[in-house]
Amino acid sequence: QLLEEVSPEKAADLLEEMAPDEAADVLGELPHEAQQELLVGECNLRDLLLADPAARLATIAREPPATVEPKARLRDVAAAVAKYNLVSLPVVDERGVLQGMVTVDDILARVIDA
């Protein structure tokens, strides 16, 4: 089943089934991807909780305010997170395929280790 066809209630259930550290990484911004894993939108936990249970993620997802490429500089990643007040930021390749998420915790860990 495509993630975009999942109901908000099912998405919340999937989060509950995750290990706490995995769920924490996606709670800020839940990526929403199509069959080819292209990032097509996102929704946050608030969106899921307030959505009509009969809705599908495709109807409540919105375009992410920012994305970064895998080789983005730490300064650029931190600037995007700060500019849009994000908890996490999608990482996409040149084709727009979702590669992962960078969280505020990831950024802080890099800054502290520097």
PDB file of N, CA and C in Angstrom:
ATOM      1  N   GLN A   1       0.850  -1.183   0.000  1.00  0.00           N
ATOM      2  CA  GLN A   1       0.000   0.000   0.000  1.00  0.00           C
ATOM      3  C   GLN A   1       0.893   1.242   0.000  1.00  0.00           C
ATOM      4  N   LEU A   2       0.542   2.188  -0.858  1.00  0.00           N
ATOM      5  CA  LEU A   2       1.289   3.432  -0.923  1.00  0.00           C
ATOM      6  C   LEU A   2       1.058   4.234   0.343  1.00  0.00           C
ATOM      7  N   LEU A   3       2.093   4.874   0.823  1.00  0.00           N
ATOM      8  CA  LEU A   3       1.967   5.690   2.025  1.00  0.00           C
ATOM      9  C   LEU A   3       0.932   6.783   1.838  1.00  0.00           C
ATOM     10  N   GLU A   4       0.828   7.317   0.614  1.00  0.00           N
ATOM     11  CA  GLU A   4      -0.136   8.393   0.375  1.00  0.00           C
ATOM     12  C   GLU A   4      -1.576   7.926   0.497  1.00  0.00           C
ATOM     13  N   GLU A   5      -1.809   6.615   0.464  1.00  0.00           N
ATOM     14  CA  GLU A   5      -3.163   6.073   0.593  1.00  0.00           C
ATOM     15  C   GLU A   5      -3.521   5.724   2.031  1.00  0.00           C
ATOM     16  N   VAL A   6      -2.570   5.852   2.933  1.00  0.00           N
ATOM     17  CA  VAL A   6      -2.777   5.512   4.340  1.00  0.00           C
ATOM     18  C   VAL A   6      -3.575   6.618   5.021  1.00  0.00           C
ATOM     19  N   SER A   7      -4.445   6.215   5.929  1.00  0.00           N
ATOM     20  CA  SER A   7      -5.213   7.194   6.699  1.00  0.00           C
ATOM     21  C   SER A   7      -4.331   7.779   7.789  1.00  0.00           C
ATOM     22  N   PRO A   8      -4.685   8.965   8.274  1.00  0.00           N
ATOM     23  CA  PRO A   8      -3.930   9.541   9.396  1.00  0.00           C
ATOM     24  C   PRO A   8      -3.927   8.626  10.614  1.00  0.00           C
ATOM     25  N   GLU A   9      -5.039   7.957  10.851  1.00  0.00           N
ATOM     26  CA  GLU A   9      -5.132   7.045  11.995  1.00  0.00           C
ATOM     27  C   GLU A   9      -4.144   5.890  11.844  1.00  0.00           C
ATOM     28  N   LYS A  10      -4.062   5.322  10.637  1.00  0.00           N
ATOM     29  CA  LYS A  10      -3.120   4.228  10.384  1.00  0.00           C
ATOM     30  C   LYS A  10      -1.674   4.723  10.513  1.00  0.00           C
ATOM     31  N   ALA A  11      -1.402   5.936  10.021  1.00  0.00           N
ATOM     32  CA  ALA A  11      -0.063   6.496  10.144  1.00  0.00           C
ATOM     33  C   ALA A  11       0.319   6.639  11.618  1.00  0.00           C
ATOM     34  N   ALA A  12      -0.620   7.114  12.436  1.00  0.00           N
ATOM     35  CA  ALA A  12      -0.355   7.244  13.874  1.00  0.00           C
ATOM     36  C   ALA A  12      -0.114   5.870  14.498  1.00  0.00           C
ATOM     37  N   ASP A  13      -0.880   4.859  14.052  1.00  0.00           N
ATOM     38  CA  ASP A  13      -0.676   3.494  14.545  1.00  0.00           C
ATOM     39  C   ASP A  13       0.710   2.978  14.182  1.00  0.00           C
ATOM     40  N   LEU A  14       1.165   3.279  12.957  1.00  0.00           N
ATOM     41  CA  LEU A  14       2.499   2.857  12.526  1.00  0.00           C
ATOM     42  C   LEU A  14       3.575   3.488  13.401  1.00  0.00           C
ATOM     43  N   LEU A  15       3.375   4.752  13.764  1.00  0.00           N
ATOM     44  CA  LEU A  15       4.334   5.426  14.648  1.00  0.00           C
ATOM     45  C   LEU A  15       4.381   4.751  16.012  1.00  0.00           C
ATOM     46  N   GLU A  16       3.225   4.326  16.512  1.00  0.00           N
ATOM     47  CA  GLU A  16       3.174   3.664  17.819  1.00  0.00           C
ATOM     48  C   GLU A  16       3.919   2.337  17.805  1.00  0.00           C
ATOM     49  N   GLU A  17       3.962   1.667  16.639  1.00  0.00           N
ATOM     50  CA  GLU A  17       4.624   0.370  16.532  1.00  0.00           C
ATOM     51  C   GLU A  17       6.141   0.494  16.439  1.00  0.00           C
ATOM     52  N   MET A  18       6.647   1.681  16.170  1.00  0.00           N
ATOM     53  CA  MET A  18       8.088   1.888  16.019  1.00  0.00           C
ATOM     54  C   MET A  18       8.783   1.913  17.368  1.00  0.00           C
ATOM     55  N   ALA A  19      10.064   1.605  17.339  1.00  0.00           N
ATOM     56  CA  ALA A  19      10.888   1.771  18.535  1.00  0.00           C
ATOM     57  C   ALA A  19      10.897   3.260  18.881  1.00  0.00           C
ATOM     58  N   PRO A  20      10.970   3.609  20.160  1.00  0.00           N
ATOM     59  CA  PRO A  20      10.905   5.017  20.558  1.00  0.00           C
ATOM     60  C   PRO A  20      11.890   5.929  19.845  1.00  0.00           C
ATOM     61  N   ASP A  21      13.127   5.464  19.632  1.00  0.00           N
ATOM     62  CA  ASP A  21      14.096   6.331  18.965  1.00  0.00           C
ATOM     63  C   ASP A  21      13.765   6.522  17.490  1.00  0.00           C
ATOM     64  N   GLU A  22      13.212   5.496  16.832  1.00  0.00           N
ATOM     65  CA  GLU A  22      12.793   5.641  15.435  1.00  0.00           C
ATOM     66  C   GLU A  22      11.601   6.589  15.330  1.00  0.00           C
ATOM     67  N   ALA A  23      10.633   6.412  16.221  1.00  0.00           N
ATOM     68  CA  ALA A  23       9.448   7.263  16.195  1.00  0.00           C
ATOM     69  C   ALA A  23       9.817   8.718  16.459  1.00  0.00           C
ATOM     70  N   ALA A  24      10.751   8.935  17.358  1.00  0.00           N
ATOM     71  CA  ALA A  24      11.169  10.304  17.674  1.00  0.00           C
ATOM     72  C   ALA A  24      11.756  10.993  16.451  1.00  0.00           C
ATOM     73  N   ASP A  25      12.435  10.235  15.600  1.00  0.00           N
ATOM     74  CA  ASP A  25      13.030  10.820  14.401  1.00  0.00           C
ATOM     75  C   ASP A  25      11.988  11.252  13.377  1.00  0.00           C
ATOM     76  N   VAL A  26      10.835  10.618  13.370  1.00  0.00           N
ATOM     77  CA  VAL A  26       9.831  10.970  12.361  1.00  0.00           C
ATOM     78  C   VAL A  26       8.658  11.773  12.901  1.00  0.00           C
ATOM     79  N   LEU A  27       8.568  11.926  14.190  1.00  0.00           N
ATOM     80  CA  LEU A  27       7.413  12.633  14.745  1.00  0.00           C
ATOM     81  C   LEU A  27       7.351  14.088  14.325  1.00  0.00           C
ATOM     82  N   GLY A  28       8.491  14.727  14.185  1.00  0.00           N
ATOM     83  CA  GLY A  28       8.479  16.138  13.794  1.00  0.00           C
ATOM     84  C   GLY A  28       7.883  16.342  12.426  1.00  0.00           C
ATOM     85  N   GLU A  29       8.335  15.627  11.464  1.00  0.00           N
ATOM     86  CA  GLU A  29       7.839  15.729  10.101  1.00  0.00           C
ATOM     87  C   GLU A  29       7.799  14.327   9.520  1.00  0.00           C
ATOM     88  N   LEU A  30       6.626  13.858   9.178  1.00  0.00           N
ATOM     89  CA  LEU A  30       6.465  12.524   8.619  1.00  0.00           C
ATOM     90  C   LEU A  30       6.546  12.601   7.107  1.00  0.00           C
ATOM     91  N   PRO A  31       7.613  12.054   6.508  1.00  0.00           N
ATOM     92  CA  PRO A  31       7.701  12.109   5.053  1.00  0.00           C
ATOM     93  C   PRO A  31       6.560  11.330   4.415  1.00  0.00           C
ATOM     94  N   HIS A  32       6.187  11.768   3.261  1.00  0.00           N
ATOM     95  CA  HIS A  32       5.104  11.144   2.529  1.00  0.00           C
ATOM     96  C   HIS A  32       5.649  10.882   1.139  1.00  0.00           C
ATOM     97  N   GLU A  33       5.758   9.624   0.740  1.00  0.00           N
ATOM     98  CA  GLU A  33       6.450   9.307  -0.490  1.00  0.00           C
ATOM     99  C   GLU A  33       5.614   8.438  -1.414  1.00  0.00           C
ATOM    100  N   ALA A  34       5.852   8.548  -2.687  1.00  0.00           N
ATOM    101  CA  ALA A  34       5.143   7.764  -3.689  1.00  0.00           C
ATOM    102  C   ALA A  34       5.904   6.464  -3.962  1.00  0.00           C
ATOM    103  N   GLN A  35       5.424   5.684  -4.921  1.00  0.00           N
ATOM    104  CA  GLN A  35       5.988   4.371  -5.226  1.00  0.00           C
ATOM    105  C   GLN A  35       7.486   4.417  -5.469  1.00  0.00           C
ATOM    106  N   GLN A  36       7.961   5.403  -6.166  1.00  0.00           N
ATOM    107  CA  GLN A  36       9.370   5.469  -6.500  1.00  0.00           C
ATOM    108  C   GLN A  36      10.167   6.179  -5.409  1.00  0.00           C
ATOM    109  N   GLU A  37       9.575   6.349  -4.252  1.00  0.00           N
ATOM    110  CA  GLU A  37      10.201   6.989  -3.105  1.00  0.00           C
ATOM    111  C   GLU A  37      10.541   8.444  -3.353  1.00  0.00           C
ATOM    112  N   LEU A  38       9.819   9.081  -4.263  1.00  0.00           N
ATOM    113  CA  LEU A  38       9.992  10.508  -4.467  1.00  0.00           C
ATOM    114  C   LEU A  38       9.283  11.235  -3.347  1.00  0.00           C
ATOM    115  N   LEU A  39       9.939  12.223  -2.789  1.00  0.00           N
ATOM    116  CA  LEU A  39       9.308  13.018  -1.753  1.00  0.00           C
ATOM    117  C   LEU A  39       8.266  13.908  -2.419  1.00  0.00           C
ATOM    118  N   VAL A  40       7.010  13.693  -2.084  1.00  0.00           N
ATOM    119  CA  VAL A  40       5.937  14.478  -2.698  1.00  0.00           C
ATOM    120  C   VAL A  40       5.217  15.363  -1.696  1.00  0.00           C
ATOM    121  N   GLY A  41       5.492  15.187  -0.425  1.00  0.00           N
ATOM    122  CA  GLY A  41       4.856  16.015   0.588  1.00  0.00           C
ATOM    123  C   GLY A  41       5.191  15.511   1.971  1.00  0.00           C
ATOM    124  N   GLU A  42       4.703  16.234   2.965  1.00  0.00           N
ATOM    125  CA  GLU A  42       4.938  15.847   4.349  1.00  0.00           C
ATOM    126  C   GLU A  42       3.766  16.299   5.199  1.00  0.00           C
ATOM    127  N   CYS A  43       3.643  15.672   6.353  1.00  0.00           N
ATOM    128  CA  CYS A  43       2.663  16.131   7.331  1.00  0.00           C
ATOM    129  C   CYS A  43       3.259  15.879   8.707  1.00  0.00           C
ATOM    130  N   ASN A  44       2.917  16.735   9.642  1.00  0.00           N
ATOM    131  CA  ASN A  44       3.470  16.570  10.988  1.00  0.00           C
ATOM    132  C   ASN A  44       2.463  15.854  11.884  1.00  0.00           C
ATOM    133  N   LEU A  45       2.870  15.579  13.102  1.00  0.00           N
ATOM    134  CA  LEU A  45       2.014  14.836  14.021  1.00  0.00           C
ATOM    135  C   LEU A  45       0.708  15.576  14.271  1.00  0.00           C
ATOM    136  N   ARG A  46       0.757  16.881  14.367  1.00  0.00           N
ATOM    137  CA  ARG A  46      -0.460  17.678  14.576  1.00  0.00           C
ATOM    138  C   ARG A  46      -1.441  17.468  13.421  1.00  0.00           C
ATOM    139  N   ASP A  47      -0.902  17.448  12.182  1.00  0.00           N
ATOM    140  CA  ASP A  47      -1.742  17.195  11.017  1.00  0.00           C
ATOM    141  C   ASP A  47      -2.447  15.848  11.136  1.00  0.00           C
ATOM    142  N   LEU A  48      -1.707  14.830  11.565  1.00  0.00           N
ATOM    143  CA  LEU A  48      -2.279  13.487  11.693  1.00  0.00           C
ATOM    144  C   LEU A  48      -3.376  13.442  12.742  1.00  0.00           C
ATOM    145  N   LEU A  49      -3.129  14.086  13.877  1.00  0.00           N
ATOM    146  CA  LEU A  49      -4.092  14.026  14.972  1.00  0.00           C
ATOM    147  C   LEU A  49      -5.364  14.817  14.695  1.00  0.00           C
ATOM    148  N   LEU A  50      -5.250  15.890  13.918  1.00  0.00           N
ATOM    149  CA  LEU A  50      -6.409  16.742  13.646  1.00  0.00           C
ATOM    150  C   LEU A  50      -7.149  16.371  12.368  1.00  0.00           C
ATOM    151  N   ALA A  51      -6.585  15.486  11.577  1.00  0.00           N
ATOM    152  CA  ALA A  51      -7.188  15.144  10.289  1.00  0.00           C
ATOM    153  C   ALA A  51      -8.430  14.277  10.461  1.00  0.00           C
ATOM    154  N   ASP A  52      -9.295  14.361   9.485  1.00  0.00           N
ATOM    155  CA  ASP A  52     -10.463  13.481   9.402  1.00  0.00           C
ATOM    156  C   ASP A  52      -9.946  12.047   9.302  1.00  0.00           C
ATOM    157  N   PRO A  53     -10.411  11.137  10.150  1.00  0.00           N
ATOM    158  CA  PRO A  53      -9.937   9.750  10.103  1.00  0.00           C
ATOM    159  C   PRO A  53     -10.161   9.079   8.747  1.00  0.00           C
ATOM    160  N   ALA A  54     -11.110   9.554   7.983  1.00  0.00           N
ATOM    161  CA  ALA A  54     -11.378   8.970   6.669  1.00  0.00           C
ATOM    162  C   ALA A  54     -10.459   9.533   5.591  1.00  0.00           C
ATOM    163  N   ALA A  55      -9.711  10.568   5.912  1.00  0.00           N
ATOM    164  CA  ALA A  55      -8.819  11.198   4.936  1.00  0.00           C
ATOM    165  C   ALA A  55      -7.646  10.277   4.624  1.00  0.00           C
ATOM    166  N   ARG A  56      -6.932  10.590   3.588  1.00  0.00           N
ATOM    167  CA  ARG A  56      -5.698   9.897   3.221  1.00  0.00           C
ATOM    168  C   ARG A  56      -4.561  10.908   3.292  1.00  0.00           C
ATOM    169  N   LEU A  57      -3.360  10.414   3.537  1.00  0.00           N
ATOM    170  CA  LEU A  57      -2.219  11.319   3.668  1.00  0.00           C
ATOM    171  C   LEU A  57      -2.065  12.211   2.440  1.00  0.00           C
ATOM    172  N   ALA A  58      -2.393  11.700   1.289  1.00  0.00           N
ATOM    173  CA  ALA A  58      -2.276  12.503   0.065  1.00  0.00           C
ATOM    174  C   ALA A  58      -3.113  13.775   0.137  1.00  0.00           C
ATOM    175  N   THR A  59      -4.203  13.747   0.894  1.00  0.00           N
ATOM    176  CA  THR A  59      -5.079  14.922   0.967  1.00  0.00           C
ATOM    177  C   THR A  59      -4.649  15.918   2.035  1.00  0.00           C
ATOM    178  N   ILE A  60      -3.828  15.480   2.995  1.00  0.00           N
ATOM    179  CA  ILE A  60      -3.426  16.407   4.057  1.00  0.00           C
ATOM    180  C   ILE A  60      -1.948  16.788   3.971  1.00  0.00           C
ATOM    181  N   ALA A  61      -1.179  16.076   3.137  1.00  0.00           N
ATOM    182  CA  ALA A  61       0.251  16.379   2.997  1.00  0.00           C
ATOM    183  C   ALA A  61       0.432  17.713   2.286  1.00  0.00           C
ATOM    184  N   ARG A  62       1.528  18.368   2.604  1.00  0.00           N
ATOM    185  CA  ARG A  62       1.863  19.633   1.951  1.00  0.00           C
ATOM    186  C   ARG A  62       3.311  19.559   1.471  1.00  0.00           C
ATOM    187  N   GLU A  63       3.655  20.461   0.598  1.00  0.00           N
ATOM    188  CA  GLU A  63       5.023  20.488   0.097  1.00  0.00           C
ATOM    189  C   GLU A  63       5.971  20.864   1.235  1.00  0.00           C
ATOM    190  N   PRO A  64       7.098  20.148   1.361  1.00  0.00           N
ATOM    191  CA  PRO A  64       8.031  20.515   2.429  1.00  0.00           C
ATOM    192  C   PRO A  64       8.593  21.913   2.180  1.00  0.00           C
ATOM    193  N   PRO A  65       8.779  22.702   3.245  1.00  0.00           N
ATOM    194  CA  PRO A  65       9.293  24.056   3.070  1.00  0.00           C
ATOM    195  C   PRO A  65      10.723  24.073   2.553  1.00  0.00           C
ATOM    196  N   ALA A  66      11.476  23.016   2.817  1.00  0.00           N
ATOM    197  CA  ALA A  66      12.861  22.961   2.382  1.00  0.00           C
ATOM    198  C   ALA A  66      13.312  21.508   2.340  1.00  0.00           C
ATOM    199  N   THR A  67      14.294  21.230   1.492  1.00  0.00           N
ATOM    200  CA  THR A  67      14.976  19.943   1.452  1.00  0.00           C
ATOM    201  C   THR A  67      16.460  20.227   1.288  1.00  0.00           C
ATOM    202  N   VAL A  68      17.271  19.221   1.557  1.00  0.00           N
ATOM    203  CA  VAL A  68      18.708  19.349   1.324  1.00  0.00           C
ATOM    204  C   VAL A  68      19.199  18.117   0.578  1.00  0.00           C
ATOM    205  N   GLU A  69      20.327  18.263  -0.108  1.00  0.00           N
ATOM    206  CA  GLU A  69      20.961  17.149  -0.796  1.00  0.00           C
ATOM    207  C   GLU A  69      21.890  16.432   0.184  1.00  0.00           C
ATOM    208  N   PRO A  70      22.220  15.168  -0.091  1.00  0.00           N
ATOM    209  CA  PRO A  70      23.064  14.402   0.835  1.00  0.00           C
ATOM    210  C   PRO A  70      24.403  15.063   1.166  1.00  0.00           C
ATOM    211  N   LYS A  71      24.970  15.817   0.248  1.00  0.00           N
ATOM    212  CA  LYS A  71      26.278  16.432   0.500  1.00  0.00           C
ATOM    213  C   LYS A  71      26.172  17.875   0.992  1.00  0.00           C
ATOM    214  N   ALA A  72      25.008  18.272   1.469  1.00  0.00           N
ATOM    215  CA  ALA A  72      24.820  19.646   1.948  1.00  0.00           C
ATOM    216  C   ALA A  72      25.750  19.937   3.127  1.00  0.00           C
ATOM    217  N   ARG A  73      26.218  21.169   3.192  1.00  0.00           N
ATOM    218  CA  ARG A  73      27.067  21.594   4.306  1.00  0.00           C
ATOM    219  C   ARG A  73      26.227  21.732   5.573  1.00  0.00           C
ATOM    220  N   LEU A  74      26.827  21.459   6.698  1.00  0.00           N
ATOM    221  CA  LEU A  74      26.155  21.572   7.990  1.00  0.00           C
ATOM    222  C   LEU A  74      25.552  22.956   8.168  1.00  0.00           C
ATOM    223  N   ARG A  75      26.274  23.989   7.768  1.00  0.00           N
ATOM    224  CA  ARG A  75      25.785  25.367   7.888  1.00  0.00           C
ATOM    225  C   ARG A  75      24.482  25.556   7.098  1.00  0.00           C
ATOM    226  N   ASP A  76      24.401  24.984   5.892  1.00  0.00           N
ATOM    227  CA  ASP A  76      23.208  25.119   5.060  1.00  0.00           C
ATOM    228  C   ASP A  76      22.022  24.357   5.646  1.00  0.00           C
ATOM    229  N   VAL A  77      22.307  23.178   6.174  1.00  0.00           N
ATOM    230  CA  VAL A  77      21.251  22.375   6.811  1.00  0.00           C
ATOM    231  C   VAL A  77      20.705  23.121   8.034  1.00  0.00           C
ATOM    232  N   ALA A  78      21.597  23.609   8.880  1.00  0.00           N
ATOM    233  CA  ALA A  78      21.188  24.338  10.081  1.00  0.00           C
ATOM    234  C   ALA A  78      20.417  25.608   9.714  1.00  0.00           C
ATOM    235  N   ALA A  79      20.839  26.298   8.653  1.00  0.00           N
ATOM    236  CA  ALA A  79      20.157  27.518   8.231  1.00  0.00           C
ATOM    237  C   ALA A  79      18.730  27.219   7.781  1.00  0.00           C
ATOM    238  N   ALA A  80      18.532  26.128   7.046  1.00  0.00           N
ATOM    239  CA  ALA A  80      17.185  25.768   6.595  1.00  0.00           C
ATOM    240  C   ALA A  80      16.295  25.391   7.779  1.00  0.00           C
ATOM    241  N   VAL A  81      16.847  24.627   8.720  1.00  0.00           N
ATOM    242  CA  VAL A  81      16.084  24.238   9.908  1.00  0.00           C
ATOM    243  C   VAL A  81      15.681  25.479  10.705  1.00  0.00           C
ATOM    244  N   ALA A  82      16.604  26.408  10.869  1.00  0.00           N
ATOM    245  CA  ALA A  82      16.317  27.633  11.624  1.00  0.00           C
ATOM    246  C   ALA A  82      15.323  28.528  10.886  1.00  0.00           C
ATOM    247  N   LYS A  83      15.507  28.698   9.590  1.00  0.00           N
ATOM    248  CA  LYS A  83      14.640  29.586   8.809  1.00  0.00           C
ATOM    249  C   LYS A  83      13.181  29.165   8.866  1.00  0.00           C
ATOM    250  N   TYR A  84      12.936  27.854   8.779  1.00  0.00           N
ATOM    251  CA  TYR A  84      11.557  27.357   8.735  1.00  0.00           C
ATOM    252  C   TYR A  84      11.100  26.767  10.065  1.00  0.00           C
ATOM    253  N   ASN A  85      11.924  26.878  11.105  1.00  0.00           N
ATOM    254  CA  ASN A  85      11.578  26.375  12.433  1.00  0.00           C
ATOM    255  C   ASN A  85      11.190  24.894  12.382  1.00  0.00           C
ATOM    256  N   LEU A  86      12.053  24.088  11.782  1.00  0.00           N
ATOM    257  CA  LEU A  86      11.783  22.671  11.583  1.00  0.00           C
ATOM    258  C   LEU A  86      12.402  21.816  12.676  1.00  0.00           C
ATOM    259  N   VAL A  87      11.819  20.646  12.874  1.00  0.00           N
ATOM    260  CA  VAL A  87      12.373  19.650  13.778  1.00  0.00           C
ATOM    261  C   VAL A  87      13.226  18.676  12.973  1.00  0.00           C
ATOM    262  N   SER A  88      12.872  18.480  11.720  1.00  0.00           N
ATOM    263  CA  SER A  88      13.635  17.611  10.831  1.00  0.00           C
ATOM    264  C   SER A  88      13.537  18.133   9.404  1.00  0.00           C
ATOM    265  N   LEU A  89      14.459  17.669   8.581  1.00  0.00           N
ATOM    266  CA  LEU A  89      14.566  18.173   7.220  1.00  0.00           C
ATOM    267  C   LEU A  89      14.791  16.987   6.280  1.00  0.00           C
ATOM    268  N   PRO A  90      13.969  16.852   5.229  1.00  0.00           N
ATOM    269  CA  PRO A  90      14.158  15.749   4.283  1.00  0.00           C
ATOM    270  C   PRO A  90      15.454  15.902   3.488  1.00  0.00           C
ATOM    271  N   VAL A  91      16.122  14.784   3.278  1.00  0.00           N
ATOM    272  CA  VAL A  91      17.316  14.732   2.441  1.00  0.00           C
ATOM    273  C   VAL A  91      16.922  14.011   1.158  1.00  0.00           C
ATOM    274  N   VAL A  92      17.061  14.694   0.023  1.00  0.00           N
ATOM    275  CA  VAL A  92      16.686  14.105  -1.265  1.00  0.00           C
ATOM    276  C   VAL A  92      17.864  14.201  -2.233  1.00  0.00           C
ATOM    277  N   ASP A  93      17.944  13.227  -3.144  1.00  0.00           N
ATOM    278  CA  ASP A  93      19.003  13.283  -4.151  1.00  0.00           C
ATOM    279  C   ASP A  93      18.572  14.182  -5.299  1.00  0.00           C
ATOM    280  N   GLU A  94      19.407  14.246  -6.346  1.00  0.00           N
ATOM    281  CA  GLU A  94      19.133  15.158  -7.464  1.00  0.00           C
ATOM    282  C   GLU A  94      17.844  14.814  -8.209  1.00  0.00           C
ATOM    283  N   ARG A  95      17.347  13.586  -8.063  1.00  0.00           N
ATOM    284  CA  ARG A  95      16.085  13.185  -8.707  1.00  0.00           C
ATOM    285  C   ARG A  95      14.872  13.427  -7.805  1.00  0.00           C
ATOM    286  N   GLY A  96      15.123  13.878  -6.567  1.00  0.00           N
ATOM    287  CA  GLY A  96      14.036  14.093  -5.624  1.00  0.00           C
ATOM    288  C   GLY A  96      13.662  12.852  -4.833  1.00  0.00           C
ATOM    289  N   VAL A  97      14.506  11.812  -4.904  1.00  0.00           N
ATOM    290  CA  VAL A  97      14.254  10.572  -4.167  1.00  0.00           C
ATOM    291  C   VAL A  97      14.679  10.766  -2.714  1.00  0.00           C
ATOM    292  N   LEU A  98      13.783  10.442  -1.820  1.00  0.00           N
ATOM    293  CA  LEU A  98      14.052  10.595  -0.394  1.00  0.00           C
ATOM    294  C   LEU A  98      15.188   9.677   0.036  1.00  0.00           C
ATOM    295  N   GLN A  99      16.228  10.258   0.638  1.00  0.00           N
ATOM    296  CA  GLN A  99      17.377   9.507   1.124  1.00  0.00           C
ATOM    297  C   GLN A  99      17.353   9.342   2.642  1.00  0.00           C
ATOM    298  N   GLY A 100      16.647  10.235   3.329  1.00  0.00           N
ATOM    299  CA  GLY A 100      16.575  10.174   4.782  1.00  0.00           C
ATOM    300  C   GLY A 100      16.117  11.508   5.338  1.00  0.00           C
ATOM    301  N   MET A 101      16.272  11.636   6.642  1.00  0.00           N
ATOM    302  CA  MET A 101      15.876  12.852   7.339  1.00  0.00           C
ATOM    303  C   MET A 101      17.033  13.289   8.239  1.00  0.00           C
ATOM    304  N   VAL A 102      17.239  14.585   8.328  1.00  0.00           N
ATOM    305  CA  VAL A 102      18.197  15.156   9.267  1.00  0.00           C
ATOM    306  C   VAL A 102      17.370  15.814  10.364  1.00  0.00           C
ATOM    307  N   THR A 103      17.647  15.470  11.599  1.00  0.00           N
ATOM    308  CA  THR A 103      16.908  16.050  12.717  1.00  0.00           C
ATOM    309  C   THR A 103      17.744  17.128  13.406  1.00  0.00           C
ATOM    310  N   VAL A 104      17.085  17.913  14.222  1.00  0.00           N
ATOM    311  CA  VAL A 104      17.792  18.915  15.020  1.00  0.00           C
ATOM    312  C   VAL A 104      18.834  18.224  15.897  1.00  0.00           C
ATOM    313  N   ASP A 105      18.503  17.060  16.422  1.00  0.00           N
ATOM    314  CA  ASP A 105      19.464  16.304  17.234  1.00  0.00           C
ATOM    315  C   ASP A 105      20.710  15.950  16.432  1.00  0.00           C
ATOM    316  N   ASP A 106      20.527  15.582  15.158  1.00  0.00           N
ATOM    317  CA  ASP A 106      21.675  15.275  14.296  1.00  0.00           C
ATOM    318  C   ASP A 106      22.572  16.491  14.147  1.00  0.00           C
ATOM    319  N   ILE A 107      21.962  17.640  13.938  1.00  0.00           N
ATOM    320  CA  ILE A 107      22.721  18.883  13.761  1.00  0.00           C
ATOM    321  C   ILE A 107      23.483  19.223  15.042  1.00  0.00           C
ATOM    322  N   LEU A 108      22.796  19.140  16.171  1.00  0.00           N
ATOM    323  CA  LEU A 108      23.452  19.451  17.449  1.00  0.00           C
ATOM    324  C   LEU A 108      24.613  18.512  17.723  1.00  0.00           C
ATOM    325  N   ALA A 109      24.447  17.237  17.403  1.00  0.00           N
ATOM    326  CA  ALA A 109      25.523  16.265  17.631  1.00  0.00           C
ATOM    327  C   ALA A 109      26.759  16.626  16.808  1.00  0.00           C
ATOM    328  N   ARG A 110      26.545  17.051  15.571  1.00  0.00           N
ATOM    329  CA  ARG A 110      27.681  17.460  14.712  1.00  0.00           C
ATOM    330  C   ARG A 110      28.350  18.718  15.245  1.00  0.00           C
ATOM    331  N   VAL A 111      27.551  19.663  15.721  1.00  0.00           N
ATOM    332  CA  VAL A 111      28.108  20.911  16.243  1.00  0.00           C
ATOM    333  C   VAL A 111      28.914  20.640  17.518  1.00  0.00           C
ATOM    334  N   ILE A 112      28.401  19.808  18.384  1.00  0.00           N
ATOM    335  CA  ILE A 112      29.077  19.494  19.645  1.00  0.00           C
ATOM    336  C   ILE A 112      30.374  18.740  19.397  1.00  0.00           C
ATOM    337  N   ASP A 113      30.371  17.836  18.396  1.00  0.00           N
ATOM    338  CA  ASP A 113      31.568  17.047  18.084  1.00  0.00           C
ATOM    339  C   ASP A 113      32.626  17.854  17.346  1.00  0.00           C
ATOM    340  N   ALA A 114      32.237  19.013  16.791  1.00  0.00           N
ATOM    341  CA  ALA A 114      33.188  19.803  15.982  1.00  0.00           C
ATOM    342  C   ALA A 114      34.223  20.482  16.844  1.00  0.00           C
TER     343      ALA A 114
END
